[in-house]
């Protein structure tokens, strides 16, 4: 498990295939901001920020449909455990997700 750091952690880096990142530990954080950067997108994709339940199942805390190049910001507030970025659908382009968390 990757540990969240205040200076940022890259979860996905210019990915071109669907799938989830490694999980990041947000258990000691009060908020986390995820920066989604899309490049060379003409059709798009779907990217979810997921958190793990105490039972160990992943659920979507936020889902973004990306239809153009550019940036999207997702902020989660509250106490969390593990989280990850998951590109669940993709037609074209590349996707990068960075997270910045604070205590």
PDB file of N, CA and C in Angstrom:
ATOM      1  N   UNK A   1       0.841  -1.165   0.000  1.00  0.00           N
ATOM      2  CA  UNK A   1       0.000   0.000   0.000  1.00  0.00           C
ATOM      3  C   UNK A   1       0.895   1.240   0.000  1.00  0.00           C
ATOM      4  N   UNK A   2       0.583   2.195  -0.863  1.00  0.00           N
ATOM      5  CA  UNK A   2       1.303   3.459  -0.921  1.00  0.00           C
ATOM      6  C   UNK A   2       0.817   4.344   0.218  1.00  0.00           C
ATOM      7  N   UNK A   3       1.701   5.092   0.833  1.00  0.00           N
ATOM      8  CA  UNK A   3       1.291   6.011   1.892  1.00  0.00           C
ATOM      9  C   UNK A   3       1.125   7.412   1.313  1.00  0.00           C
ATOM     10  N   UNK A   4      -0.008   8.056   1.613  1.00  0.00           N
ATOM     11  CA  UNK A   4      -0.265   9.413   1.127  1.00  0.00           C
ATOM     12  C   UNK A   4       0.733  10.378   1.740  1.00  0.00           C
ATOM     13  N   UNK A   5       1.182  11.326   0.954  1.00  0.00           N
ATOM     14  CA  UNK A   5       2.114  12.341   1.430  1.00  0.00           C
ATOM     15  C   UNK A   5       1.557  13.706   1.076  1.00  0.00           C
ATOM     16  N   UNK A   6       1.852  14.699   1.890  1.00  0.00           N
ATOM     17  CA  UNK A   6       1.307  16.029   1.659  1.00  0.00           C
ATOM     18  C   UNK A   6       1.819  16.643   0.363  1.00  0.00           C
ATOM     19  N   UNK A   7       2.990  16.234  -0.137  1.00  0.00           N
ATOM     20  CA  UNK A   7       3.507  16.805  -1.361  1.00  0.00           C
ATOM     21  C   UNK A   7       2.936  16.132  -2.605  1.00  0.00           C
ATOM     22  N   UNK A   8       2.134  15.105  -2.443  1.00  0.00           N
ATOM     23  CA  UNK A   8       1.471  14.476  -3.581  1.00  0.00           C
ATOM     24  C   UNK A   8       2.017  13.103  -3.905  1.00  0.00           C
ATOM     25  N   UNK A   9       1.160  12.299  -4.470  1.00  0.00           N
ATOM     26  CA  UNK A   9       1.512  10.935  -4.860  1.00  0.00           C
ATOM     27  C   UNK A   9       0.817  10.636  -6.175  1.00  0.00           C
ATOM     28  N   UNK A  10       1.541  10.156  -7.154  1.00  0.00           N
ATOM     29  CA  UNK A  10       0.947   9.796  -8.437  1.00  0.00           C
ATOM     30  C   UNK A  10       0.355   8.400  -8.335  1.00  0.00           C
ATOM     31  N   UNK A  11      -0.940   8.282  -8.628  1.00  0.00           N
ATOM     32  CA  UNK A  11      -1.616   6.984  -8.604  1.00  0.00           C
ATOM     33  C   UNK A  11      -1.613   6.347  -9.985  1.00  0.00           C
ATOM     34  N   UNK A  12      -1.933   7.129 -11.003  1.00  0.00           N
ATOM     35  CA  UNK A  12      -1.885   6.666 -12.386  1.00  0.00           C
ATOM     36  C   UNK A  12      -1.030   7.663 -13.161  1.00  0.00           C
ATOM     37  N   UNK A  13      -0.182   7.181 -14.053  1.00  0.00           N
ATOM     38  CA  UNK A  13       0.711   8.065 -14.801  1.00  0.00           C
ATOM     39  C   UNK A  13       0.569   7.812 -16.296  1.00  0.00           C
ATOM     40  N   UNK A  14      -0.160   8.684 -16.972  1.00  0.00           N
ATOM     41  CA  UNK A  14      -0.352   8.629 -18.428  1.00  0.00           C
ATOM     42  C   UNK A  14      -0.801   7.240 -18.888  1.00  0.00           C
ATOM     43  N   UNK A  15      -1.761   6.652 -18.181  1.00  0.00           N
ATOM     44  CA  UNK A  15      -2.214   5.309 -18.526  1.00  0.00           C
ATOM     45  C   UNK A  15      -3.079   5.319 -19.792  1.00  0.00           C
ATOM     46  N   UNK A  16      -2.973   4.251 -20.537  1.00  0.00           N
ATOM     47  CA  UNK A  16      -3.750   4.086 -21.764  1.00  0.00           C
ATOM     48  C   UNK A  16      -4.591   2.819 -21.737  1.00  0.00           C
ATOM     49  N   UNK A  17      -4.644   2.159 -20.585  1.00  0.00           N
ATOM     50  CA  UNK A  17      -5.458   0.955 -20.445  1.00  0.00           C
ATOM     51  C   UNK A  17      -6.301   1.083 -19.181  1.00  0.00           C
ATOM     52  N   UNK A  18      -7.432   0.391 -19.158  1.00  0.00           N
ATOM     53  CA  UNK A  18      -8.286   0.421 -17.975  1.00  0.00           C
ATOM     54  C   UNK A  18      -7.636  -0.353 -16.834  1.00  0.00           C
ATOM     55  N   UNK A  19      -8.065  -0.047 -15.623  1.00  0.00           N
ATOM     56  CA  UNK A  19      -7.566  -0.748 -14.450  1.00  0.00           C
ATOM     57  C   UNK A  19      -7.357   0.192 -13.286  1.00  0.00           C
ATOM     58  N   UNK A  20      -7.135  -0.390 -12.125  1.00  0.00           N
ATOM     59  CA  UNK A  20      -6.998   0.371 -10.879  1.00  0.00           C
ATOM     60  C   UNK A  20      -5.537   0.577 -10.523  1.00  0.00           C
ATOM     61  N   UNK A  21      -5.296   1.679  -9.829  1.00  0.00           N
ATOM     62  CA  UNK A  21      -3.960   1.955  -9.299  1.00  0.00           C
ATOM     63  C   UNK A  21      -3.739   1.121  -8.043  1.00  0.00           C
ATOM     64  N   UNK A  22      -2.546   1.201  -7.519  1.00  0.00           N
ATOM     65  CA  UNK A  22      -2.295   0.653  -6.183  1.00  0.00           C
ATOM     66  C   UNK A  22      -3.118   1.459  -5.197  1.00  0.00           C
ATOM     67  N   UNK A  23      -3.435   0.854  -4.066  1.00  0.00           N
ATOM     68  CA  UNK A  23      -4.197   1.599  -3.065  1.00  0.00           C
ATOM     69  C   UNK A  23      -3.268   2.503  -2.273  1.00  0.00           C
ATOM     70  N   UNK A  24      -3.851   3.583  -1.762  1.00  0.00           N
ATOM     71  CA  UNK A  24      -3.120   4.563  -0.981  1.00  0.00           C
ATOM     72  C   UNK A  24      -3.799   4.667   0.383  1.00  0.00           C
ATOM     73  N   UNK A  25      -3.013   4.762   1.436  1.00  0.00           N
ATOM     74  CA  UNK A  25      -3.571   4.809   2.787  1.00  0.00           C
ATOM     75  C   UNK A  25      -3.936   6.242   3.165  1.00  0.00           C
ATOM     76  N   UNK A  26      -5.226   6.499   3.331  1.00  0.00           N
ATOM     77  CA  UNK A  26      -5.709   7.813   3.732  1.00  0.00           C
ATOM     78  C   UNK A  26      -6.275   7.795   5.148  1.00  0.00           C
ATOM     79  N   UNK A  27      -5.949   6.769   5.924  1.00  0.00           N
ATOM     80  CA  UNK A  27      -6.573   6.576   7.238  1.00  0.00           C
ATOM     81  C   UNK A  27      -6.282   7.704   8.225  1.00  0.00           C
ATOM     82  N   UNK A  28      -5.163   8.391   8.094  1.00  0.00           N
ATOM     83  CA  UNK A  28      -4.844   9.472   9.024  1.00  0.00           C
ATOM     84  C   UNK A  28      -5.122  10.844   8.429  1.00  0.00           C
ATOM     85  N   UNK A  29      -5.774  10.890   7.288  1.00  0.00           N
ATOM     86  CA  UNK A  29      -6.011  12.147   6.596  1.00  0.00           C
ATOM     87  C   UNK A  29      -7.447  12.633   6.801  1.00  0.00           C
ATOM     88  N   UNK A  30      -7.626  13.952   6.801  1.00  0.00           N
ATOM     89  CA  UNK A  30      -8.964  14.521   6.933  1.00  0.00           C
ATOM     90  C   UNK A  30      -9.559  14.916   5.589  1.00  0.00           C
ATOM     91  N   UNK A  31      -8.704  15.071   4.578  1.00  0.00           N
ATOM     92  CA  UNK A  31      -9.191  15.349   3.227  1.00  0.00           C
ATOM     93  C   UNK A  31      -8.134  14.928   2.216  1.00  0.00           C
ATOM     94  N   UNK A  32      -8.598  14.646   1.023  1.00  0.00           N
ATOM     95  CA  UNK A  32      -7.705  14.271  -0.070  1.00  0.00           C
ATOM     96  C   UNK A  32      -8.238  14.897  -1.351  1.00  0.00           C
ATOM     97  N   UNK A  33      -7.335  15.487  -2.123  1.00  0.00           N
ATOM     98  CA  UNK A  33      -7.700  16.078  -3.400  1.00  0.00           C
ATOM     99  C   UNK A  33      -7.012  15.287  -4.504  1.00  0.00           C
ATOM    100  N   UNK A  34      -7.799  14.818  -5.447  1.00  0.00           N
ATOM    101  CA  UNK A  34      -7.313  14.035  -6.569  1.00  0.00           C
ATOM    102  C   UNK A  34      -7.340  14.913  -7.814  1.00  0.00           C
ATOM    103  N   UNK A  35      -6.202  15.029  -8.488  1.00  0.00           N
ATOM    104  CA  UNK A  35      -6.098  15.795  -9.726  1.00  0.00           C
ATOM    105  C   UNK A  35      -6.032  14.814 -10.888  1.00  0.00           C
ATOM    106  N   UNK A  36      -7.026  14.880 -11.751  1.00  0.00           N
ATOM    107  CA  UNK A  36      -7.098  14.006 -12.922  1.00  0.00           C
ATOM    108  C   UNK A  36      -6.709  14.853 -14.132  1.00  0.00           C
ATOM    109  N   UNK A  37      -5.678  14.440 -14.844  1.00  0.00           N
ATOM    110  CA  UNK A  37      -5.250  15.135 -16.043  1.00  0.00           C
ATOM    111  C   UNK A  37      -5.417  14.202 -17.226  1.00  0.00           C
ATOM    112  N   UNK A  38      -6.171  14.656 -18.227  1.00  0.00           N
ATOM    113  CA  UNK A  38      -6.399  13.861 -19.427  1.00  0.00           C
ATOM    114  C   UNK A  38      -5.738  14.553 -20.613  1.00  0.00           C
ATOM    115  N   UNK A  39      -5.117  13.777 -21.485  1.00  0.00           N
ATOM    116  CA  UNK A  39      -4.456  14.319 -22.670  1.00  0.00           C
ATOM    117  C   UNK A  39      -4.827  13.489 -23.896  1.00  0.00           C
ATOM    118  N   UNK A  40      -4.926  14.141 -25.033  1.00  0.00           N
ATOM    119  CA  UNK A  40      -5.243  13.494 -26.325  1.00  0.00           C
ATOM    120  C   UNK A  40      -6.575  12.775 -26.297  1.00  0.00           C
ATOM    121  N   UNK A  41      -7.553  13.341 -25.578  1.00  0.00           N
ATOM    122  CA  UNK A  41      -8.874  12.729 -25.469  1.00  0.00           C
ATOM    123  C   UNK A  41      -9.810  13.343 -26.506  1.00  0.00           C
ATOM    124  N   UNK A  42     -10.432  12.504 -27.320  1.00  0.00           N
ATOM    125  CA  UNK A  42     -11.479  12.970 -28.230  1.00  0.00           C
ATOM    126  C   UNK A  42     -12.807  12.287 -27.917  1.00  0.00           C
ATOM    127  N   UNK A  43     -12.753  11.042 -27.450  1.00  0.00           N
ATOM    128  CA  UNK A  43     -13.977  10.312 -27.102  1.00  0.00           C
ATOM    129  C   UNK A  43     -14.137  10.179 -25.598  1.00  0.00           C
ATOM    130  N   UNK A  44     -13.053   9.822 -24.901  1.00  0.00           N
ATOM    131  CA  UNK A  44     -13.094   9.869 -23.451  1.00  0.00           C
ATOM    132  C   UNK A  44     -12.999   8.565 -22.706  1.00  0.00           C
ATOM    133  N   UNK A  45     -13.324   8.672 -21.431  1.00  0.00           N
ATOM    134  CA  UNK A  45     -13.248   7.542 -20.535  1.00  0.00           C
ATOM    135  C   UNK A  45     -13.967   7.841 -19.241  1.00  0.00           C
ATOM    136  N   UNK A  46     -14.001   6.862 -18.348  1.00  0.00           N
ATOM    137  CA  UNK A  46     -14.637   7.010 -17.050  1.00  0.00           C
ATOM    138  C   UNK A  46     -13.617   6.662 -15.977  1.00  0.00           C
ATOM    139  N   UNK A  47     -13.418   7.583 -15.044  1.00  0.00           N
ATOM    140  CA  UNK A  47     -12.457   7.385 -13.985  1.00  0.00           C
ATOM    141  C   UNK A  47     -13.152   7.530 -12.644  1.00  0.00           C
ATOM    142  N   UNK A  48     -12.961   6.539 -11.774  1.00  0.00           N
ATOM    143  CA  UNK A  48     -13.577   6.552 -10.447  1.00  0.00           C
ATOM    144  C   UNK A  48     -12.513   6.674  -9.370  1.00  0.00           C
ATOM    145  N   UNK A  49     -12.819   7.476  -8.357  1.00  0.00           N
ATOM    146  CA  UNK A  49     -12.033   7.492  -7.133  1.00  0.00           C
ATOM    147  C   UNK A  49     -12.765   6.544  -6.188  1.00  0.00           C
ATOM    148  N   UNK A  50     -12.092   5.488  -5.767  1.00  0.00           N
ATOM    149  CA  UNK A  50     -12.725   4.438  -4.977  1.00  0.00           C
ATOM    150  C   UNK A  50     -12.121   4.366  -3.584  1.00  0.00           C
ATOM    151  N   UNK A  51     -12.957   4.022  -2.617  1.00  0.00           N
ATOM    152  CA  UNK A  51     -12.507   3.783  -1.249  1.00  0.00           C
ATOM    153  C   UNK A  51     -12.927   2.374  -0.840  1.00  0.00           C
ATOM    154  N   UNK A  52     -12.160   1.809   0.075  1.00  0.00           N
ATOM    155  CA  UNK A  52     -12.403   0.428   0.505  1.00  0.00           C
ATOM    156  C   UNK A  52     -13.242   0.416   1.772  1.00  0.00           C
ATOM    157  N   UNK A  53     -14.284  -0.392   1.769  1.00  0.00           N
ATOM    158  CA  UNK A  53     -15.136  -0.529   2.952  1.00  0.00           C
ATOM    159  C   UNK A  53     -14.422  -1.379   3.999  1.00  0.00           C
ATOM    160  N   UNK A  54     -14.890  -1.340   5.252  1.00  0.00           N
ATOM    161  CA  UNK A  54     -14.301  -2.200   6.283  1.00  0.00           C
ATOM    162  C   UNK A  54     -14.391  -3.688   5.927  1.00  0.00           C
ATOM    163  N   UNK A  55     -15.362  -4.045   5.080  1.00  0.00           N
ATOM    164  CA  UNK A  55     -15.510  -5.442   4.661  1.00  0.00           C
ATOM    165  C   UNK A  55     -14.540  -5.813   3.542  1.00  0.00           C
ATOM    166  N   UNK A  56     -13.809  -4.812   3.028  1.00  0.00           N
ATOM    167  CA  UNK A  56     -12.803  -5.097   2.001  1.00  0.00           C
ATOM    168  C   UNK A  56     -13.277  -4.932   0.570  1.00  0.00           C
ATOM    169  N   UNK A  57     -14.484  -4.431   0.357  1.00  0.00           N
ATOM    170  CA  UNK A  57     -14.961  -4.211  -1.005  1.00  0.00           C
ATOM    171  C   UNK A  57     -14.750  -2.745  -1.406  1.00  0.00           C
ATOM    172  N   UNK A  58     -14.485  -2.523  -2.673  1.00  0.00           N
ATOM    173  CA  UNK A  58     -14.266  -1.180  -3.190  1.00  0.00           C
ATOM    174  C   UNK A  58     -15.595  -0.577  -3.636  1.00  0.00           C
ATOM    175  N   UNK A  59     -15.809   0.703  -3.328  1.00  0.00           N
ATOM    176  CA  UNK A  59     -16.980   1.388  -3.853  1.00  0.00           C
ATOM    177  C   UNK A  59     -16.563   2.773  -4.342  1.00  0.00           C
ATOM    178  N   UNK A  60     -17.349   3.310  -5.291  1.00  0.00           N
ATOM    179  CA  UNK A  60     -17.024   4.590  -5.901  1.00  0.00           C
ATOM    180  C   UNK A  60     -17.407   5.740  -4.976  1.00  0.00           C
ATOM    181  N   UNK A  61     -16.416   6.542  -4.593  1.00  0.00           N
ATOM    182  CA  UNK A  61     -16.684   7.761  -3.833  1.00  0.00           C
ATOM    183  C   UNK A  61     -16.998   8.902  -4.786  1.00  0.00           C
ATOM    184  N   UNK A  62     -16.473   8.830  -6.013  1.00  0.00           N
ATOM    185  CA  UNK A  62     -16.715   9.831  -7.040  1.00  0.00           C
ATOM    186  C   UNK A  62     -16.392   9.209  -8.392  1.00  0.00           C
ATOM    187  N   UNK A  63     -17.197   9.525  -9.402  1.00  0.00           N
ATOM    188  CA  UNK A  63     -16.954   9.040 -10.760  1.00  0.00           C
ATOM    189  C   UNK A  63     -17.010  10.220 -11.712  1.00  0.00           C
ATOM    190  N   UNK A  64     -15.996  10.317 -12.563  1.00  0.00           N
ATOM    191  CA  UNK A  64     -15.914  11.394 -13.546  1.00  0.00           C
ATOM    192  C   UNK A  64     -15.916  10.810 -14.951  1.00  0.00           C
ATOM    193  N   UNK A  65     -16.761  11.363 -15.816  1.00  0.00           N
ATOM    194  CA  UNK A  65     -16.726  11.029 -17.230  1.00  0.00           C
ATOM    195  C   UNK A  65     -15.847  12.073 -17.900  1.00  0.00           C
ATOM    196  N   UNK A  66     -14.772  11.639 -18.512  1.00  0.00           N
ATOM    197  CA  UNK A  66     -13.809  12.532 -19.143  1.00  0.00           C
ATOM    198  C   UNK A  66     -14.084  12.535 -20.648  1.00  0.00           C
ATOM    199  N   UNK A  67     -14.399  13.698 -21.209  1.00  0.00           N
ATOM    200  CA  UNK A  67     -14.741  13.763 -22.629  1.00  0.00           C
ATOM    201  C   UNK A  67     -13.823  14.684 -23.428  1.00  0.00           C
ATOM    202  N   UNK A  68     -12.843  15.289 -22.764  1.00  0.00           N
ATOM    203  CA  UNK A  68     -11.906  16.171 -23.455  1.00  0.00           C
ATOM    204  C   UNK A  68     -10.605  16.235 -22.668  1.00  0.00           C
ATOM    205  N   UNK A  69      -9.556  16.692 -23.306  1.00  0.00           N
ATOM    206  CA  UNK A  69      -8.282  16.891 -22.616  1.00  0.00           C
ATOM    207  C   UNK A  69      -8.432  18.001 -21.588  1.00  0.00           C
ATOM    208  N   UNK A  70      -7.656  17.914 -20.520  1.00  0.00           N
ATOM    209  CA  UNK A  70      -7.703  18.950 -19.490  1.00  0.00           C
ATOM    210  C   UNK A  70      -7.653  18.352 -18.107  1.00  0.00           C
ATOM    211  N   UNK A  71      -8.048  19.155 -17.130  1.00  0.00           N
ATOM    212  CA  UNK A  71      -7.950  18.730 -15.749  1.00  0.00           C
ATOM    213  C   UNK A  71      -9.288  18.698 -15.038  1.00  0.00           C
ATOM    214  N   UNK A  72      -9.387  17.800 -14.081  1.00  0.00           N
ATOM    215  CA  UNK A  72     -10.571  17.650 -13.230  1.00  0.00           C
ATOM    216  C   UNK A  72     -10.079  17.486 -11.802  1.00  0.00           C
ATOM    217  N   UNK A  73     -10.772  18.089 -10.856  1.00  0.00           N
ATOM    218  CA  UNK A  73     -10.392  18.002  -9.452  1.00  0.00           C
ATOM    219  C   UNK A  73     -11.518  17.322  -8.669  1.00  0.00           C
ATOM    220  N   UNK A  74     -11.154  16.354  -7.838  1.00  0.00           N
ATOM    221  CA  UNK A  74     -12.100  15.668  -6.955  1.00  0.00           C
ATOM    222  C   UNK A  74     -11.556  15.777  -5.540  1.00  0.00           C
ATOM    223  N   UNK A  75     -12.362  16.293  -4.607  1.00  0.00           N
ATOM    224  CA  UNK A  75     -11.952  16.397  -3.213  1.00  0.00           C
ATOM    225  C   UNK A  75     -12.855  15.529  -2.348  1.00  0.00           C
ATOM    226  N   UNK A  76     -12.243  14.727  -1.493  1.00  0.00           N
ATOM    227  CA  UNK A  76     -12.964  13.903  -0.533  1.00  0.00           C
ATOM    228  C   UNK A  76     -12.638  14.423   0.860  1.00  0.00           C
ATOM    229  N   UNK A  77     -13.658  14.622   1.675  1.00  0.00           N
ATOM    230  CA  UNK A  77     -13.468  15.082   3.045  1.00  0.00           C
ATOM    231  C   UNK A  77     -13.953  14.011   4.015  1.00  0.00           C
ATOM    232  N   UNK A  78     -13.280  13.904   5.157  1.00  0.00           N
ATOM    233  CA  UNK A  78     -13.668  12.931   6.158  1.00  0.00           C
ATOM    234  C   UNK A  78     -12.586  11.893   6.354  1.00  0.00           C
ATOM    235  N   UNK A  79     -12.846  10.972   7.236  1.00  0.00           N
ATOM    236  CA  UNK A  79     -11.886   9.906   7.523  1.00  0.00           C
ATOM    237  C   UNK A  79     -12.080   8.759   6.542  1.00  0.00           C
ATOM    238  N   UNK A  80     -10.984   8.287   5.986  1.00  0.00           N
ATOM    239  CA  UNK A  80     -11.019   7.186   5.022  1.00  0.00           C
ATOM    240  C   UNK A  80      -9.928   6.198   5.361  1.00  0.00           C
ATOM    241  N   UNK A  81     -10.007   5.054   4.772  1.00  0.00           N
ATOM    242  CA  UNK A  81      -8.934   4.073   4.836  1.00  0.00           C
ATOM    243  C   UNK A  81      -8.252   4.069   3.489  1.00  0.00           C
ATOM    244  N   UNK A  82      -8.107   2.908   2.885  1.00  0.00           N
ATOM    245  CA  UNK A  82      -7.485   2.827   1.571  1.00  0.00           C
ATOM    246  C   UNK A  82      -8.359   3.460   0.481  1.00  0.00           C
ATOM    247  N   UNK A  83      -7.697   4.068  -0.499  1.00  0.00           N
ATOM    248  CA  UNK A  83      -8.367   4.632  -1.667  1.00  0.00           C
ATOM    249  C   UNK A  83      -7.521   4.309  -2.890  1.00  0.00           C
ATOM    250  N   UNK A  84      -8.132   4.433  -4.073  1.00  0.00           N
ATOM    251  CA  UNK A  84      -7.405   4.202  -5.315  1.00  0.00           C
ATOM    252  C   UNK A  84      -8.127   4.927  -6.457  1.00  0.00           C
ATOM    253  N   UNK A  85      -7.435   5.061  -7.566  1.00  0.00           N
ATOM    254  CA  UNK A  85      -8.024   5.580  -8.798  1.00  0.00           C
ATOM    255  C   UNK A  85      -8.252   4.388  -9.718  1.00  0.00           C
ATOM    256  N   UNK A  86      -9.388   4.369 -10.400  1.00  0.00           N
ATOM    257  CA  UNK A  86      -9.702   3.239 -11.271  1.00  0.00           C
ATOM    258  C   UNK A  86     -10.268   3.755 -12.588  1.00  0.00           C
ATOM    259  N   UNK A  87      -9.527   3.562 -13.668  1.00  0.00           N
ATOM    260  CA  UNK A  87     -10.004   3.896 -15.005  1.00  0.00           C
ATOM    261  C   UNK A  87     -10.865   2.720 -15.464  1.00  0.00           C
ATOM    262  N   UNK A  88     -12.188   2.892 -15.407  1.00  0.00           N
ATOM    263  CA  UNK A  88     -13.102   1.772 -15.653  1.00  0.00           C
ATOM    264  C   UNK A  88     -13.519   1.647 -17.105  1.00  0.00           C
ATOM    265  N   UNK A  89     -13.392   2.724 -17.883  1.00  0.00           N
ATOM    266  CA  UNK A  89     -13.706   2.680 -19.308  1.00  0.00           C
ATOM    267  C   UNK A  89     -12.801   3.666 -20.024  1.00  0.00           C
ATOM    268  N   UNK A  90     -12.389   3.331 -21.247  1.00  0.00           N
ATOM    269  CA  UNK A  90     -11.511   4.227 -21.997  1.00  0.00           C
ATOM    270  C   UNK A  90     -11.699   3.986 -23.481  1.00  0.00           C
ATOM    271  N   UNK A  91     -11.810   5.079 -24.240  1.00  0.00           N
ATOM    272  CA  UNK A  91     -11.833   4.947 -25.689  1.00  0.00           C
ATOM    273  C   UNK A  91     -10.568   5.517 -26.315  1.00  0.00           C
ATOM    274  N   UNK A  92     -10.032   6.595 -25.738  1.00  0.00           N
ATOM    275  CA  UNK A  92      -8.769   7.143 -26.232  1.00  0.00           C
ATOM    276  C   UNK A  92      -8.172   8.062 -25.182  1.00  0.00           C
ATOM    277  N   UNK A  93      -6.981   8.555 -25.453  1.00  0.00           N
ATOM    278  CA  UNK A  93      -6.317   9.487 -24.550  1.00  0.00           C
ATOM    279  C   UNK A  93      -5.515   8.799 -23.457  1.00  0.00           C
ATOM    280  N   UNK A  94      -4.841   9.635 -22.654  1.00  0.00           N
ATOM    281  CA  UNK A  94      -4.080   9.153 -21.508  1.00  0.00           C
ATOM    282  C   UNK A  94      -4.594   9.848 -20.259  1.00  0.00           C
ATOM    283  N   UNK A  95      -4.455   9.181 -19.120  1.00  0.00           N
ATOM    284  CA  UNK A  95      -5.008   9.669 -17.860  1.00  0.00           C
ATOM    285  C   UNK A  95      -3.959   9.569 -16.760  1.00  0.00           C
ATOM    286  N   UNK A  96      -3.795  10.677 -16.048  1.00  0.00           N
ATOM    287  CA  UNK A  96      -2.877  10.752 -14.916  1.00  0.00           C
ATOM    288  C   UNK A  96      -3.677  11.194 -13.698  1.00  0.00           C
ATOM    289  N   UNK A  97      -3.442  10.543 -12.564  1.00  0.00           N
ATOM    290  CA  UNK A  97      -4.134  10.928 -11.318  1.00  0.00           C
ATOM    291  C   UNK A  97      -3.083  11.106 -10.234  1.00  0.00           C
ATOM    292  N   UNK A  98      -3.118  12.287  -9.614  1.00  0.00           N
ATOM    293  CA  UNK A  98      -2.265  12.579  -8.472  1.00  0.00           C
ATOM    294  C   UNK A  98      -3.157  12.886  -7.285  1.00  0.00           C
ATOM    295  N   UNK A  99      -2.713  12.521  -6.088  1.00  0.00           N
ATOM    296  CA  UNK A  99      -3.482  12.809  -4.880  1.00  0.00           C
ATOM    297  C   UNK A  99      -2.615  13.597  -3.906  1.00  0.00           C
ATOM    298  N   UNK A 100      -3.248  14.608  -3.297  1.00  0.00           N
ATOM    299  CA  UNK A 100      -2.633  15.391  -2.222  1.00  0.00           C
ATOM    300  C   UNK A 100      -3.572  15.262  -1.028  1.00  0.00           C
ATOM    301  N   UNK A 101      -3.031  14.875   0.112  1.00  0.00           N
ATOM    302  CA  UNK A 101      -3.860  14.650   1.297  1.00  0.00           C
ATOM    303  C   UNK A 101      -3.314  15.460   2.468  1.00  0.00           C
ATOM    304  N   UNK A 102      -4.219  15.805   3.401  1.00  0.00           N
ATOM    305  CA  UNK A 102      -3.774  16.520   4.580  1.00  0.00           C
ATOM    306  C   UNK A 102      -4.419  15.945   5.826  1.00  0.00           C
ATOM    307  N   UNK A 103      -3.702  16.100   6.950  1.00  0.00           N
ATOM    308  CA  UNK A 103      -4.195  15.619   8.231  1.00  0.00           C
ATOM    309  C   UNK A 103      -5.127  16.629   8.843  1.00  0.00           C
TER     310      UNK A 103
END
